[in-house]
N, C-alpha and C. Protein backbone atom coordinates (compact mmCIF):
# COMPACT_ATOMS: atom_id res chain seq x y z
N MET A 1 4.64 -13.05 -2.58
CA MET A 1 3.44 -12.21 -2.70
C MET A 1 3.74 -10.74 -2.42
N GLY A 2 4.96 -10.45 -1.94
CA GLY A 2 5.28 -9.06 -1.64
C GLY A 2 4.65 -8.59 -0.34
N LYS A 3 4.78 -7.31 -0.09
CA LYS A 3 4.27 -6.74 1.16
C LYS A 3 2.83 -6.28 0.97
N ARG A 4 1.93 -7.25 0.78
CA ARG A 4 0.53 -6.90 0.58
C ARG A 4 -0.31 -7.40 1.74
N GLN A 5 -1.41 -6.70 1.99
CA GLN A 5 -2.32 -7.10 3.04
C GLN A 5 -3.28 -8.16 2.50
N ILE A 6 -4.01 -8.80 3.41
CA ILE A 6 -4.94 -9.87 3.02
C ILE A 6 -5.96 -9.36 2.01
N GLY A 7 -6.46 -8.14 2.21
CA GLY A 7 -7.47 -7.60 1.31
C GLY A 7 -6.95 -7.28 -0.07
N GLU A 8 -5.62 -7.26 -0.25
CA GLU A 8 -5.04 -6.95 -1.55
C GLU A 8 -4.61 -8.20 -2.31
N LEU A 9 -4.77 -9.38 -1.70
CA LEU A 9 -4.35 -10.61 -2.36
C LEU A 9 -5.32 -11.00 -3.47
N GLN A 10 -4.77 -11.60 -4.51
CA GLN A 10 -5.61 -12.18 -5.55
C GLN A 10 -6.25 -13.46 -5.00
N PRO A 11 -7.36 -13.92 -5.58
CA PRO A 11 -8.02 -15.14 -5.08
C PRO A 11 -7.08 -16.33 -4.97
N SER A 12 -6.24 -16.55 -6.00
CA SER A 12 -5.32 -17.69 -5.96
C SER A 12 -4.30 -17.55 -4.84
N GLU A 13 -3.86 -16.31 -4.57
CA GLU A 13 -2.89 -16.08 -3.50
C GLU A 13 -3.52 -16.33 -2.13
N LEU A 14 -4.78 -15.97 -1.99
CA LEU A 14 -5.48 -16.21 -0.72
C LEU A 14 -5.63 -17.70 -0.47
N VAL A 15 -5.95 -18.46 -1.52
CA VAL A 15 -6.07 -19.91 -1.39
C VAL A 15 -4.74 -20.52 -0.97
N VAL A 16 -3.64 -20.07 -1.59
CA VAL A 16 -2.31 -20.57 -1.25
C VAL A 16 -1.98 -20.27 0.21
N THR A 17 -2.33 -19.08 0.66
CA THR A 17 -2.07 -18.70 2.05
C THR A 17 -2.80 -19.61 3.01
N ILE A 18 -4.07 -19.89 2.75
CA ILE A 18 -4.86 -20.76 3.63
C ILE A 18 -4.32 -22.19 3.60
N LEU A 19 -3.95 -22.68 2.40
CA LEU A 19 -3.41 -24.04 2.31
C LEU A 19 -2.12 -24.19 3.11
N ILE A 20 -1.24 -23.20 2.99
CA ILE A 20 0.04 -23.27 3.72
C ILE A 20 -0.20 -23.29 5.23
N SER A 21 -1.12 -22.46 5.70
CA SER A 21 -1.39 -22.42 7.14
C SER A 21 -1.97 -23.74 7.63
N ASN A 22 -2.84 -24.36 6.82
CA ASN A 22 -3.43 -25.64 7.23
C ASN A 22 -2.38 -26.76 7.25
N ILE A 23 -1.53 -26.80 6.21
CA ILE A 23 -0.51 -27.85 6.14
C ILE A 23 0.51 -27.68 7.26
N ALA A 24 0.84 -26.45 7.60
CA ALA A 24 1.85 -26.21 8.63
C ALA A 24 1.41 -26.70 10.01
N THR A 25 0.09 -26.77 10.24
CA THR A 25 -0.39 -27.21 11.55
C THR A 25 -0.38 -28.73 11.73
N LEU A 26 -0.30 -29.47 10.62
CA LEU A 26 -0.37 -30.93 10.71
C LEU A 26 0.75 -31.53 11.56
N PRO A 27 2.04 -31.21 11.27
CA PRO A 27 3.11 -31.78 12.11
C PRO A 27 3.06 -31.29 13.56
N ILE A 28 2.46 -30.14 13.77
CA ILE A 28 2.39 -29.59 15.13
C ILE A 28 1.32 -30.31 15.95
N GLN A 29 0.20 -30.61 15.32
CA GLN A 29 -0.92 -31.23 16.03
C GLN A 29 -0.72 -32.74 16.21
N ASP A 30 -0.10 -33.37 15.23
CA ASP A 30 0.06 -34.83 15.26
C ASP A 30 1.55 -35.17 15.29
N VAL A 31 2.01 -35.73 16.41
CA VAL A 31 3.44 -36.04 16.54
C VAL A 31 3.84 -37.20 15.63
N ASP A 32 2.87 -37.97 15.15
CA ASP A 32 3.19 -39.09 14.25
C ASP A 32 3.51 -38.61 12.84
N VAL A 33 3.15 -37.38 12.52
CA VAL A 33 3.45 -36.82 11.20
C VAL A 33 4.85 -36.22 11.23
N PRO A 34 5.77 -36.72 10.39
CA PRO A 34 7.14 -36.17 10.41
C PRO A 34 7.16 -34.72 9.94
N LEU A 35 8.20 -34.00 10.34
CA LEU A 35 8.33 -32.59 9.96
C LEU A 35 8.38 -32.43 8.44
N SER A 36 9.01 -33.40 7.77
CA SER A 36 9.08 -33.33 6.30
C SER A 36 7.71 -33.43 5.67
N GLY A 37 6.75 -34.05 6.39
CA GLY A 37 5.39 -34.15 5.88
C GLY A 37 4.71 -32.81 5.77
N GLY A 38 5.23 -31.81 6.44
CA GLY A 38 4.69 -30.46 6.31
C GLY A 38 5.55 -29.59 5.43
N ILE A 39 6.88 -29.79 5.52
CA ILE A 39 7.80 -28.92 4.77
C ILE A 39 7.70 -29.16 3.27
N VAL A 40 7.67 -30.42 2.85
CA VAL A 40 7.65 -30.74 1.42
C VAL A 40 6.41 -30.19 0.73
N PRO A 41 5.19 -30.41 1.27
CA PRO A 41 4.01 -29.82 0.61
C PRO A 41 4.04 -28.29 0.59
N ILE A 42 4.55 -27.68 1.66
CA ILE A 42 4.61 -26.22 1.70
C ILE A 42 5.55 -25.70 0.62
N LEU A 43 6.73 -26.32 0.50
CA LEU A 43 7.67 -25.90 -0.53
C LEU A 43 7.09 -26.11 -1.93
N THR A 44 6.34 -27.19 -2.10
CA THR A 44 5.70 -27.45 -3.39
C THR A 44 4.70 -26.37 -3.74
N ILE A 45 3.88 -25.98 -2.76
CA ILE A 45 2.87 -24.95 -2.99
C ILE A 45 3.53 -23.60 -3.25
N VAL A 46 4.60 -23.31 -2.49
CA VAL A 46 5.31 -22.04 -2.69
C VAL A 46 5.91 -21.98 -4.09
N CYS A 47 6.53 -23.07 -4.53
CA CYS A 47 7.10 -23.11 -5.88
C CYS A 47 6.01 -22.94 -6.94
N PHE A 48 4.86 -23.57 -6.70
CA PHE A 48 3.74 -23.44 -7.63
C PHE A 48 3.26 -21.99 -7.69
N GLU A 49 3.20 -21.33 -6.53
CA GLU A 49 2.76 -19.93 -6.48
C GLU A 49 3.74 -19.02 -7.22
N VAL A 50 5.05 -19.27 -7.03
CA VAL A 50 6.06 -18.47 -7.73
C VAL A 50 5.94 -18.67 -9.24
N PHE A 51 5.70 -19.92 -9.66
CA PHE A 51 5.53 -20.22 -11.09
C PHE A 51 4.30 -19.51 -11.65
N ILE A 52 3.19 -19.58 -10.93
CA ILE A 52 1.96 -18.93 -11.39
C ILE A 52 2.14 -17.42 -11.44
N SER A 53 2.83 -16.85 -10.46
CA SER A 53 3.06 -15.40 -10.45
C SER A 53 3.87 -14.98 -11.67
N GLY A 54 4.92 -15.76 -11.98
CA GLY A 54 5.72 -15.44 -13.17
C GLY A 54 4.92 -15.59 -14.45
N LEU A 55 4.04 -16.62 -14.49
CA LEU A 55 3.22 -16.84 -15.67
C LEU A 55 2.22 -15.71 -15.88
N THR A 56 1.60 -15.25 -14.80
CA THR A 56 0.60 -14.17 -14.91
C THR A 56 1.25 -12.84 -15.28
N MET A 57 2.51 -12.67 -14.92
CA MET A 57 3.21 -11.44 -15.30
C MET A 57 3.49 -11.40 -16.80
N ARG A 58 3.66 -12.57 -17.41
CA ARG A 58 4.03 -12.64 -18.82
C ARG A 58 2.82 -12.84 -19.75
N SER A 59 1.75 -13.40 -19.23
CA SER A 59 0.60 -13.73 -20.07
C SER A 59 -0.66 -13.06 -19.57
N ARG A 60 -1.27 -12.25 -20.43
CA ARG A 60 -2.52 -11.58 -20.06
C ARG A 60 -3.65 -12.60 -19.90
N THR A 61 -3.64 -13.65 -20.75
CA THR A 61 -4.67 -14.68 -20.66
C THR A 61 -4.60 -15.41 -19.33
N ALA A 62 -3.38 -15.77 -18.91
CA ALA A 62 -3.20 -16.45 -17.62
C ALA A 62 -3.61 -15.53 -16.47
N ARG A 63 -3.31 -14.24 -16.61
CA ARG A 63 -3.67 -13.29 -15.56
C ARG A 63 -5.18 -13.20 -15.39
N ARG A 64 -5.90 -13.19 -16.50
CA ARG A 64 -7.36 -13.14 -16.43
C ARG A 64 -7.92 -14.46 -15.89
N LEU A 65 -7.25 -15.59 -16.22
CA LEU A 65 -7.72 -16.89 -15.76
C LEU A 65 -7.57 -17.04 -14.26
N PHE A 66 -6.42 -16.65 -13.72
CA PHE A 66 -6.14 -16.85 -12.30
C PHE A 66 -6.60 -15.69 -11.43
N CYS A 67 -6.59 -14.49 -11.97
CA CYS A 67 -6.88 -13.30 -11.16
C CYS A 67 -8.20 -12.63 -11.52
N GLY A 68 -8.76 -12.96 -12.68
CA GLY A 68 -9.98 -12.27 -13.10
C GLY A 68 -9.65 -10.90 -13.67
N GLY A 69 -10.65 -10.07 -13.78
CA GLY A 69 -10.45 -8.72 -14.31
C GLY A 69 -11.33 -7.72 -13.60
N PRO A 70 -11.01 -6.45 -13.71
CA PRO A 70 -11.83 -5.41 -13.07
C PRO A 70 -13.20 -5.31 -13.74
N LYS A 71 -14.18 -4.87 -12.96
CA LYS A 71 -15.54 -4.71 -13.45
C LYS A 71 -16.01 -3.28 -13.17
N MET A 72 -16.56 -2.63 -14.21
CA MET A 72 -17.07 -1.29 -14.04
C MET A 72 -18.50 -1.35 -13.53
N VAL A 73 -18.75 -0.76 -12.36
CA VAL A 73 -20.08 -0.81 -11.76
C VAL A 73 -20.82 0.52 -11.87
N ILE A 74 -20.09 1.59 -12.19
CA ILE A 74 -20.72 2.88 -12.50
C ILE A 74 -20.07 3.40 -13.76
N ARG A 75 -20.89 3.62 -14.79
CA ARG A 75 -20.38 4.11 -16.08
C ARG A 75 -21.17 5.35 -16.47
N ASP A 76 -20.43 6.46 -16.73
CA ASP A 76 -21.07 7.72 -17.10
C ASP A 76 -22.16 8.13 -16.12
N GLY A 77 -21.91 7.86 -14.84
CA GLY A 77 -22.85 8.26 -13.79
C GLY A 77 -23.99 7.29 -13.58
N GLN A 78 -24.07 6.21 -14.37
CA GLN A 78 -25.15 5.24 -14.25
C GLN A 78 -24.65 3.97 -13.56
N ILE A 79 -25.42 3.50 -12.56
CA ILE A 79 -25.06 2.27 -11.86
C ILE A 79 -25.37 1.07 -12.75
N MET A 80 -24.39 0.22 -12.96
CA MET A 80 -24.53 -0.96 -13.80
C MET A 80 -25.07 -2.11 -12.95
N GLN A 81 -26.38 -2.27 -12.95
CA GLN A 81 -27.03 -3.24 -12.07
C GLN A 81 -26.65 -4.68 -12.43
N LYS A 82 -26.51 -4.98 -13.71
CA LYS A 82 -26.14 -6.33 -14.12
C LYS A 82 -24.76 -6.70 -13.59
N GLU A 83 -23.81 -5.76 -13.67
CA GLU A 83 -22.47 -6.01 -13.17
C GLU A 83 -22.48 -6.25 -11.67
N LEU A 84 -23.32 -5.51 -10.95
CA LEU A 84 -23.43 -5.71 -9.51
C LEU A 84 -23.93 -7.10 -9.20
N ARG A 85 -24.93 -7.56 -9.96
CA ARG A 85 -25.46 -8.91 -9.74
C ARG A 85 -24.41 -9.96 -10.04
N ASP A 86 -23.64 -9.77 -11.13
CA ASP A 86 -22.60 -10.74 -11.48
C ASP A 86 -21.53 -10.84 -10.39
N LEU A 87 -21.24 -9.71 -9.75
CA LEU A 87 -20.22 -9.68 -8.71
C LEU A 87 -20.76 -10.05 -7.33
N ARG A 88 -22.07 -10.30 -7.24
CA ARG A 88 -22.73 -10.50 -5.96
C ARG A 88 -22.47 -9.30 -5.05
N PHE A 89 -22.58 -8.13 -5.64
CA PHE A 89 -22.30 -6.87 -4.96
C PHE A 89 -23.63 -6.20 -4.66
N SER A 90 -23.99 -6.06 -3.39
CA SER A 90 -25.26 -5.44 -3.03
C SER A 90 -25.15 -3.92 -3.09
N VAL A 91 -26.29 -3.27 -3.05
CA VAL A 91 -26.30 -1.80 -3.02
C VAL A 91 -25.58 -1.30 -1.78
N ASP A 92 -25.79 -1.98 -0.66
CA ASP A 92 -25.12 -1.58 0.58
C ASP A 92 -23.60 -1.67 0.43
N ASP A 93 -23.12 -2.73 -0.25
CA ASP A 93 -21.68 -2.87 -0.48
C ASP A 93 -21.15 -1.70 -1.32
N LEU A 94 -21.90 -1.34 -2.35
CA LEU A 94 -21.49 -0.25 -3.23
C LEU A 94 -21.44 1.08 -2.47
N ILE A 95 -22.51 1.36 -1.73
CA ILE A 95 -22.56 2.63 -0.98
C ILE A 95 -21.46 2.68 0.07
N GLU A 96 -21.20 1.54 0.71
CA GLU A 96 -20.13 1.50 1.73
C GLU A 96 -18.78 1.81 1.12
N GLN A 97 -18.50 1.21 -0.06
CA GLN A 97 -17.22 1.46 -0.73
C GLN A 97 -17.12 2.90 -1.20
N LEU A 98 -18.23 3.48 -1.66
CA LEU A 98 -18.21 4.88 -2.09
C LEU A 98 -17.94 5.79 -0.90
N ARG A 99 -18.56 5.48 0.24
CA ARG A 99 -18.31 6.29 1.44
C ARG A 99 -16.85 6.22 1.85
N ALA A 100 -16.27 5.02 1.74
CA ALA A 100 -14.85 4.86 2.10
C ALA A 100 -13.97 5.70 1.18
N ALA A 101 -14.42 5.91 -0.06
CA ALA A 101 -13.66 6.74 -1.00
C ALA A 101 -13.96 8.23 -0.82
N GLY A 102 -14.90 8.56 0.07
CA GLY A 102 -15.21 9.96 0.35
C GLY A 102 -16.40 10.52 -0.40
N TYR A 103 -17.24 9.64 -0.97
CA TYR A 103 -18.40 10.11 -1.74
C TYR A 103 -19.66 9.45 -1.18
N PHE A 104 -20.55 10.27 -0.62
CA PHE A 104 -21.77 9.76 -0.02
C PHE A 104 -22.93 9.74 -1.01
N ASP A 105 -22.79 10.44 -2.12
CA ASP A 105 -23.83 10.51 -3.13
C ASP A 105 -23.33 9.87 -4.42
N PRO A 106 -23.95 8.77 -4.88
CA PRO A 106 -23.49 8.12 -6.12
C PRO A 106 -23.56 9.03 -7.34
N SER A 107 -24.41 10.07 -7.28
CA SER A 107 -24.53 10.97 -8.43
C SER A 107 -23.27 11.81 -8.62
N GLU A 108 -22.38 11.85 -7.61
CA GLU A 108 -21.13 12.59 -7.73
C GLU A 108 -20.05 11.79 -8.46
N VAL A 109 -20.34 10.52 -8.74
CA VAL A 109 -19.34 9.61 -9.32
C VAL A 109 -19.61 9.43 -10.80
N LEU A 110 -18.56 9.60 -11.62
CA LEU A 110 -18.68 9.41 -13.06
C LEU A 110 -18.39 7.96 -13.44
N PHE A 111 -17.31 7.42 -12.89
CA PHE A 111 -16.95 6.03 -13.13
C PHE A 111 -16.53 5.39 -11.82
N ALA A 112 -16.85 4.10 -11.65
CA ALA A 112 -16.38 3.32 -10.50
C ALA A 112 -16.09 1.91 -10.96
N VAL A 113 -14.95 1.39 -10.53
CA VAL A 113 -14.49 0.07 -10.99
C VAL A 113 -14.16 -0.79 -9.78
N VAL A 114 -14.71 -2.00 -9.76
CA VAL A 114 -14.35 -2.98 -8.74
C VAL A 114 -13.11 -3.73 -9.23
N GLU A 115 -12.01 -3.59 -8.50
CA GLU A 115 -10.76 -4.22 -8.89
C GLU A 115 -10.78 -5.71 -8.54
N THR A 116 -9.78 -6.43 -9.00
CA THR A 116 -9.72 -7.87 -8.75
C THR A 116 -9.55 -8.20 -7.28
N THR A 117 -9.06 -7.25 -6.49
CA THR A 117 -8.91 -7.46 -5.05
C THR A 117 -10.18 -7.18 -4.28
N GLY A 118 -11.22 -6.66 -4.97
CA GLY A 118 -12.48 -6.33 -4.32
C GLY A 118 -12.60 -4.87 -3.92
N SER A 119 -11.53 -4.10 -4.05
CA SER A 119 -11.59 -2.68 -3.72
C SER A 119 -12.25 -1.90 -4.86
N LEU A 120 -12.74 -0.72 -4.52
CA LEU A 120 -13.46 0.11 -5.49
C LEU A 120 -12.62 1.33 -5.84
N SER A 121 -12.37 1.52 -7.14
CA SER A 121 -11.68 2.72 -7.62
C SER A 121 -12.73 3.68 -8.16
N VAL A 122 -12.65 4.94 -7.71
CA VAL A 122 -13.69 5.91 -8.01
C VAL A 122 -13.10 7.08 -8.79
N TYR A 123 -13.78 7.46 -9.87
CA TYR A 123 -13.42 8.65 -10.65
C TYR A 123 -14.61 9.60 -10.58
N PRO A 124 -14.51 10.68 -9.79
CA PRO A 124 -15.66 11.56 -9.57
C PRO A 124 -15.93 12.49 -10.75
N ARG A 125 -17.13 13.06 -10.73
CA ARG A 125 -17.45 14.11 -11.71
C ARG A 125 -16.56 15.32 -11.44
N PHE A 126 -16.42 16.16 -12.46
CA PHE A 126 -15.54 17.32 -12.34
C PHE A 126 -15.94 18.21 -11.18
N ALA A 127 -17.26 18.44 -11.01
CA ALA A 127 -17.73 19.34 -9.96
C ALA A 127 -17.46 18.79 -8.56
N ALA A 128 -17.29 17.46 -8.44
CA ALA A 128 -17.09 16.85 -7.14
C ALA A 128 -15.62 16.62 -6.81
N ARG A 129 -14.72 16.95 -7.74
CA ARG A 129 -13.30 16.71 -7.50
C ARG A 129 -12.72 17.82 -6.62
N PRO A 130 -11.82 17.47 -5.71
CA PRO A 130 -11.15 18.51 -4.92
C PRO A 130 -10.23 19.35 -5.80
N ALA A 131 -10.15 20.62 -5.47
CA ALA A 131 -9.29 21.52 -6.25
C ALA A 131 -7.82 21.18 -6.03
N THR A 132 -7.05 21.25 -7.10
CA THR A 132 -5.62 20.99 -7.03
C THR A 132 -4.84 22.27 -7.25
N GLY A 133 -3.54 22.19 -7.01
CA GLY A 133 -2.70 23.35 -7.25
C GLY A 133 -2.73 23.78 -8.70
N GLY A 134 -2.83 22.81 -9.61
CA GLY A 134 -2.92 23.14 -11.03
C GLY A 134 -4.19 23.87 -11.37
N ASP A 135 -5.32 23.45 -10.74
CA ASP A 135 -6.60 24.14 -10.97
C ASP A 135 -6.53 25.59 -10.52
N LEU A 136 -5.78 25.85 -9.45
CA LEU A 136 -5.68 27.21 -8.90
C LEU A 136 -4.57 28.02 -9.56
N GLY A 137 -3.87 27.41 -10.52
CA GLY A 137 -2.80 28.12 -11.21
C GLY A 137 -1.54 28.27 -10.38
N LEU A 138 -1.37 27.39 -9.36
CA LEU A 138 -0.18 27.44 -8.52
C LEU A 138 0.84 26.46 -9.05
N HIS A 139 2.09 26.87 -9.05
CA HIS A 139 3.16 26.02 -9.56
C HIS A 139 4.29 25.95 -8.54
N ARG A 140 4.71 24.74 -8.21
CA ARG A 140 5.80 24.52 -7.27
C ARG A 140 6.78 23.54 -7.87
N ASP A 141 8.03 23.66 -7.49
CA ASP A 141 9.05 22.71 -7.92
C ASP A 141 8.84 21.40 -7.17
N ASP A 142 8.56 20.32 -7.91
CA ASP A 142 8.31 19.03 -7.26
C ASP A 142 9.51 18.56 -6.46
N PHE A 143 10.72 18.87 -6.93
CA PHE A 143 11.91 18.42 -6.22
C PHE A 143 11.99 19.09 -4.85
N ILE A 144 11.75 20.39 -4.83
CA ILE A 144 11.83 21.14 -3.57
C ILE A 144 10.65 20.79 -2.67
N ASP A 145 9.49 20.50 -3.28
CA ASP A 145 8.28 20.26 -2.51
C ASP A 145 8.15 18.81 -2.06
N ALA A 146 9.21 18.03 -2.16
CA ALA A 146 9.17 16.62 -1.74
C ALA A 146 8.93 16.54 -0.23
N PRO A 147 8.29 15.46 0.23
CA PRO A 147 7.97 15.34 1.66
C PRO A 147 9.21 15.16 2.52
N PRO A 148 9.13 15.54 3.80
CA PRO A 148 10.26 15.35 4.71
C PRO A 148 10.43 13.88 5.06
N VAL A 149 11.65 13.54 5.48
CA VAL A 149 11.97 12.17 5.89
C VAL A 149 12.72 12.20 7.21
N VAL A 150 12.80 11.04 7.84
CA VAL A 150 13.54 10.92 9.10
C VAL A 150 15.03 10.82 8.77
N ILE A 151 15.84 11.70 9.38
CA ILE A 151 17.29 11.64 9.16
C ILE A 151 18.04 11.17 10.41
N VAL A 152 17.40 11.29 11.59
CA VAL A 152 17.98 10.76 12.83
C VAL A 152 16.88 10.01 13.57
N ASP A 153 17.13 8.75 13.86
CA ASP A 153 16.16 7.89 14.54
C ASP A 153 16.78 7.39 15.84
N GLN A 154 16.32 7.95 16.97
CA GLN A 154 16.79 7.57 18.29
C GLN A 154 18.32 7.61 18.38
N GLY A 155 18.88 8.74 17.91
CA GLY A 155 20.31 8.96 17.99
C GLY A 155 21.11 8.37 16.86
N ARG A 156 20.47 7.65 15.93
CA ARG A 156 21.18 7.00 14.83
C ARG A 156 20.92 7.75 13.53
N VAL A 157 21.97 8.15 12.83
CA VAL A 157 21.85 8.89 11.57
C VAL A 157 21.55 7.91 10.44
N LEU A 158 20.63 8.31 9.55
CA LEU A 158 20.26 7.49 8.39
C LEU A 158 20.90 8.10 7.14
N PRO A 159 22.00 7.51 6.66
CA PRO A 159 22.73 8.09 5.51
C PRO A 159 21.88 8.26 4.25
N ASP A 160 21.01 7.29 3.95
CA ASP A 160 20.17 7.39 2.75
C ASP A 160 19.26 8.61 2.82
N SER A 161 18.77 8.92 4.00
CA SER A 161 17.90 10.09 4.17
C SER A 161 18.68 11.39 4.00
N LEU A 162 19.94 11.39 4.45
CA LEU A 162 20.78 12.58 4.24
C LEU A 162 20.97 12.84 2.76
N ASP A 163 21.21 11.76 1.99
CA ASP A 163 21.38 11.90 0.54
C ASP A 163 20.08 12.41 -0.10
N TYR A 164 18.94 11.90 0.36
CA TYR A 164 17.64 12.34 -0.16
C TYR A 164 17.44 13.84 0.03
N CYS A 165 17.85 14.34 1.21
CA CYS A 165 17.67 15.76 1.52
C CYS A 165 18.78 16.63 0.93
N GLY A 166 19.82 16.01 0.39
CA GLY A 166 20.92 16.77 -0.19
C GLY A 166 21.79 17.45 0.85
N VAL A 167 21.92 16.83 2.02
CA VAL A 167 22.75 17.39 3.09
C VAL A 167 23.84 16.38 3.45
N SER A 168 24.84 16.86 4.17
CA SER A 168 25.98 16.02 4.55
C SER A 168 26.02 15.86 6.07
N PRO A 169 26.77 14.88 6.56
CA PRO A 169 26.95 14.75 8.01
C PRO A 169 27.51 16.01 8.65
N VAL A 170 28.34 16.75 7.90
CA VAL A 170 28.90 18.00 8.43
C VAL A 170 27.79 19.02 8.66
N TRP A 171 26.85 19.12 7.68
CA TRP A 171 25.71 20.05 7.85
C TRP A 171 24.88 19.64 9.05
N LEU A 172 24.66 18.34 9.21
CA LEU A 172 23.88 17.85 10.34
C LEU A 172 24.53 18.22 11.65
N GLN A 173 25.83 18.04 11.74
CA GLN A 173 26.55 18.35 12.97
C GLN A 173 26.45 19.84 13.29
N LYS A 174 26.58 20.69 12.27
CA LYS A 174 26.47 22.14 12.50
C LYS A 174 25.07 22.51 12.96
N ALA A 175 24.04 21.86 12.37
CA ALA A 175 22.67 22.15 12.75
C ALA A 175 22.42 21.76 14.21
N LEU A 176 22.97 20.63 14.63
CA LEU A 176 22.81 20.20 16.01
C LEU A 176 23.56 21.12 16.97
N GLU A 177 24.73 21.61 16.55
CA GLU A 177 25.47 22.55 17.39
C GLU A 177 24.70 23.85 17.56
N GLN A 178 24.04 24.32 16.50
CA GLN A 178 23.23 25.53 16.59
C GLN A 178 22.04 25.33 17.54
N GLU A 179 21.48 24.12 17.55
CA GLU A 179 20.34 23.83 18.42
C GLU A 179 20.79 23.51 19.84
N GLY A 180 22.09 23.28 20.01
CA GLY A 180 22.62 22.96 21.34
C GLY A 180 22.19 21.60 21.85
N ILE A 181 22.15 20.61 20.96
CA ILE A 181 21.72 19.27 21.35
C ILE A 181 22.67 18.24 20.76
N ALA A 182 22.94 17.21 21.52
CA ALA A 182 23.82 16.15 21.05
C ALA A 182 23.01 15.13 20.25
N GLN A 183 23.69 14.48 19.34
CA GLN A 183 23.01 13.51 18.48
C GLN A 183 22.39 12.38 19.31
N LYS A 184 23.05 11.92 20.35
CA LYS A 184 22.57 10.81 21.16
C LYS A 184 21.31 11.17 21.95
N ASP A 185 21.02 12.48 22.08
CA ASP A 185 19.84 12.92 22.83
C ASP A 185 18.63 13.13 21.93
N ILE A 186 18.75 12.81 20.64
CA ILE A 186 17.64 13.02 19.70
C ILE A 186 16.80 11.75 19.61
N PHE A 187 15.50 11.90 19.81
CA PHE A 187 14.57 10.79 19.61
C PHE A 187 14.18 10.69 18.14
N LEU A 188 13.90 11.85 17.52
CA LEU A 188 13.49 11.89 16.12
C LEU A 188 13.86 13.23 15.52
N MET A 189 14.41 13.19 14.31
CA MET A 189 14.70 14.41 13.57
C MET A 189 14.29 14.20 12.12
N ILE A 190 13.42 15.07 11.63
CA ILE A 190 12.99 14.99 10.24
C ILE A 190 13.48 16.23 9.50
N CYS A 191 13.65 16.08 8.18
CA CYS A 191 14.17 17.18 7.37
C CYS A 191 13.64 17.03 5.95
N ASP A 192 13.48 18.17 5.25
CA ASP A 192 13.06 18.13 3.85
C ASP A 192 14.19 18.68 2.97
N ARG A 193 13.92 18.77 1.68
CA ARG A 193 14.96 19.19 0.74
C ARG A 193 15.21 20.69 0.77
N ARG A 194 14.39 21.42 1.51
CA ARG A 194 14.67 22.84 1.73
C ARG A 194 15.49 23.05 3.00
N ARG A 195 15.90 21.93 3.60
CA ARG A 195 16.71 21.92 4.82
C ARG A 195 15.96 22.48 6.02
N LYS A 196 14.66 22.39 5.98
CA LYS A 196 13.85 22.74 7.14
C LYS A 196 13.70 21.47 7.96
N TYR A 197 14.03 21.54 9.24
CA TYR A 197 14.04 20.34 10.07
C TYR A 197 13.26 20.56 11.36
N HIS A 198 12.92 19.44 11.97
CA HIS A 198 12.22 19.45 13.26
C HIS A 198 12.82 18.37 14.13
N ILE A 199 13.10 18.70 15.39
CA ILE A 199 13.77 17.79 16.29
C ILE A 199 12.88 17.47 17.48
N VAL A 200 12.79 16.19 17.82
CA VAL A 200 12.11 15.74 19.03
C VAL A 200 13.15 15.12 19.94
N LYS A 201 13.31 15.66 21.14
CA LYS A 201 14.31 15.17 22.07
C LYS A 201 13.82 13.93 22.80
N LYS A 202 14.78 13.12 23.24
CA LYS A 202 14.43 11.95 24.04
C LYS A 202 13.92 12.39 25.41
N ASP A 203 12.97 11.62 25.94
CA ASP A 203 12.50 11.89 27.30
C ASP A 203 13.58 11.54 28.29
N LYS A 204 13.71 12.34 29.31
CA LYS A 204 14.69 12.06 30.37
C LYS A 204 14.05 11.20 31.43
N THR A 205 14.47 9.94 31.48
CA THR A 205 13.90 9.01 32.47
C THR A 205 14.97 8.54 33.42
């Protein structure tokens, strides 16, 4: 199922999760039930889930059958009341999801879609959208403007992060010498592709 939270699982995946947890408790609660009585059904369900996942990736029909499809609940600024009833989605549920997306007034929303996981995707009207750098005519190099990453974690250097920032261990050593700090005394060090870094020292205990 990947690294997904419970709220992001498809209905079939949630059912599989509950079944596995129930079956796993049987050998634990009843000593007369052999361990294989729990392992075999769990492996069977896991194999079935892997098969269904592969099938849904290849077939749109299977994906709609097992996972359903998204439903548009606001179209062109109008709330689709029939869709809300079909989804058993109350007005309070809709308003709550809109607030979570940062919109307290439904009139600010042009389109809203309830995804198969139950989350709400919101596309606001132009006047309600936050201004972007493109709207303001600002242009930055995306490569240079990439976010900073951790390059030293509790005294341990992360080689992949050094490659991301385009720096070498030699550069890191020189930077630490300029700061007058040893690598083993670093709790956290972050750096970006402009070679701007920030160091947090370990507490002395």
